[in-house]
Protein backbone atom coordinates (compact mmCIF):
# COMPACT_ATOMS: atom_id res chain seq x y z
CA MET A 1 65.72 104.53 110.86
CA ARG A 2 66.16 107.84 113.89
CA PHE A 3 67.91 109.68 111.53
CA GLN A 4 65.89 108.50 108.60
CA ILE A 5 69.35 107.65 106.47
CA GLU A 6 68.83 104.78 104.45
CA SER A 7 71.11 101.93 102.69
CA ARG A 8 71.25 99.81 99.99
CA THR A 9 73.72 98.15 98.73
CA PRO A 10 72.10 96.30 95.02
CA PHE A 11 74.13 93.44 93.77
CA ALA A 12 76.14 92.83 97.21
CA ASP A 13 75.74 89.58 96.88
CA ASP A 14 77.48 88.81 93.79
CA ARG A 15 80.96 88.11 94.32
CA THR A 16 81.75 87.54 90.59
CA LEU A 17 79.91 91.17 89.37
CA ILE A 18 81.42 92.95 92.09
CA GLU A 19 85.00 91.53 90.90
CA THR A 20 84.35 91.84 87.53
CA VAL A 21 83.51 96.01 87.87
CA PHE A 22 86.40 96.57 90.20
CA SER A 23 88.43 95.16 87.33
CA ILE A 24 86.90 98.05 84.74
CA PRO A 25 88.50 101.39 84.16
CA SER A 26 86.90 104.07 85.92
CA VAL A 27 86.58 106.31 82.60
CA TYR A 28 84.00 103.21 81.96
CA LYS A 29 82.02 103.71 84.90
CA ILE A 30 82.45 107.76 85.64
CA HIS A 31 81.87 109.45 82.31
CA GLY A 32 80.46 112.99 81.00
CA GLY A 33 79.16 114.15 84.74
CA PHE A 34 77.66 111.10 85.25
CA SER A 35 77.96 107.77 87.40
CA LYS A 36 76.92 104.34 87.18
CA CYS A 37 77.61 104.65 83.20
CA LEU A 38 77.71 100.77 82.26
CA LEU A 39 74.74 100.41 84.35
CA ARG A 40 72.89 103.33 82.76
CA GLU A 41 73.54 102.15 79.53
CA SER A 42 72.75 98.67 79.74
CA MET A 43 69.32 99.76 80.84
CA LYS A 44 68.19 102.89 78.63
CA PRO A 45 66.20 101.10 76.81
CA LEU A 46 64.19 100.10 79.90
CA LEU A 47 64.64 103.90 81.89
CA PRO A 48 62.33 106.54 81.16
CA GLN A 49 64.70 109.63 80.36
CA SER A 50 64.47 111.43 83.41
CA ILE A 51 65.65 108.15 85.16
CA TYR A 52 68.39 107.56 82.87
CA ARG A 53 70.00 111.30 83.18
CA ARG A 54 69.22 111.65 86.63
CA GLN A 55 72.19 113.66 88.30
CA ASP A 56 70.72 114.91 91.55
CA LYS A 57 71.20 111.98 93.77
CA ILE A 58 74.51 112.75 96.03
CA GLY A 59 73.76 109.83 98.72
CA PHE A 60 74.78 110.62 102.26
CA ALA A 61 75.67 114.65 101.98
CA THR A 62 76.79 115.89 105.17
CA PRO A 63 76.00 119.97 105.84
CA GLU A 64 79.29 121.10 106.56
CA TYR A 65 78.58 124.70 105.05
CA SER A 66 75.46 124.97 108.11
CA TRP A 67 77.93 123.63 110.48
CA ILE A 68 81.00 126.13 109.61
CA GLN A 69 79.11 128.94 108.37
CA PRO A 70 77.37 129.90 111.70
CA LYS A 71 80.93 129.29 113.59
CA SER A 72 82.93 131.15 111.27
CA ASP A 73 84.96 132.89 113.57
CA TYR A 74 85.95 130.34 115.45
CA PHE A 75 87.07 128.35 112.72
CA ARG A 76 88.88 131.07 111.27
CA SER A 77 90.77 131.52 114.45
CA LEU A 78 92.13 127.91 114.05
CA ILE A 79 93.79 129.01 110.99
CA ASN A 80 97.14 130.52 112.68
CA ASP A 81 100.77 129.93 113.17
CA SER A 82 101.06 126.12 114.15
CA LEU A 83 99.95 126.09 110.03
CA SER A 84 102.31 128.23 108.61
CA GLU A 85 105.13 125.85 108.16
CA TYR A 86 102.56 124.11 105.46
CA LEU A 87 100.32 127.07 104.31
CA ASP A 88 100.21 130.79 103.56
CA ILE A 89 98.51 131.49 106.94
CA THR A 90 98.06 135.29 105.41
CA LYS A 91 96.82 134.67 102.29
CA ILE A 92 94.08 132.46 103.77
CA ARG A 93 93.09 134.93 106.79
CA GLN A 94 93.21 137.79 104.02
CA GLU A 95 90.98 135.80 101.65
CA TRP A 96 88.83 134.05 104.35
CA ASN A 97 85.74 135.94 103.90
CA SER A 98 86.10 135.40 99.85
CA LEU A 99 86.63 131.71 100.57
CA MET A 100 83.65 131.39 102.83
CA ALA A 101 81.31 133.32 100.13
CA ARG A 102 82.12 130.95 97.65
CA GLN A 103 81.62 127.55 99.70
CA PRO A 104 78.62 125.46 98.13
CA LYS A 105 75.75 125.44 100.13
CA ARG A 106 75.41 121.73 99.42
CA GLY A 107 78.40 118.62 99.64
CA ILE A 108 81.99 118.72 100.58
CA LEU A 109 83.41 121.70 100.98
CA PRO A 110 86.76 122.94 99.80
CA LEU A 111 87.47 124.35 103.36
CA TRP A 112 86.35 121.42 104.79
CA LYS A 113 89.89 119.83 104.06
CA LEU A 114 91.57 122.90 106.10
CA LEU A 115 89.57 123.00 108.73
CA ASN A 116 90.06 119.85 109.37
CA LEU A 117 94.03 119.81 109.39
CA ALA A 118 93.82 122.84 111.45
CA MET A 119 91.75 121.02 114.30
CA TRP A 120 94.24 118.26 113.42
CA VAL A 121 96.86 120.20 114.49
CA LYS A 122 95.66 122.15 117.41
CA ARG A 123 94.67 118.65 118.75
CA ILE A 124 97.64 116.96 117.95
CA GLY A 125 99.62 120.41 118.90
CA ALA A 126 102.23 121.53 116.38
CA ASN A 127 105.36 120.22 118.43
CA ASN A 128 104.55 116.41 117.64
CA SER A 129 106.36 116.92 114.38
CA LEU A 130 103.90 116.78 112.08
CA ARG A 131 105.93 116.06 108.43
CA ILE A 132 104.77 115.22 105.34
CA THR A 133 106.88 113.84 102.91
CA ARG A 134 106.94 113.31 99.22
């Protein structure tokens, strides 16, 4: 509780329910921008409309934007020639400020994946033959 994170896993003790839910196609579980569709629909008669339509719960959101934004210049420096085999480095450098400006202030940032790749390549070194196979 030091960091005030609470985790609850309702229904996690019912193996039959878990197996049944995993066998249901995703389209029935996430639909129209709402998660837990089957659960919501089954409880609709019992829930207030504000709960039934609730979309503001996002789980454990990490503050990527507040991590990246103050050190934007450092992260931009990671986008270097060691990534040129995999990415259009020139375009990313030219559009860096625009990319930063378009990042959501909450939730996972599209840039996060790019920066993780850049840090990984820096850590392991480009000479370790990072190859993407198809």
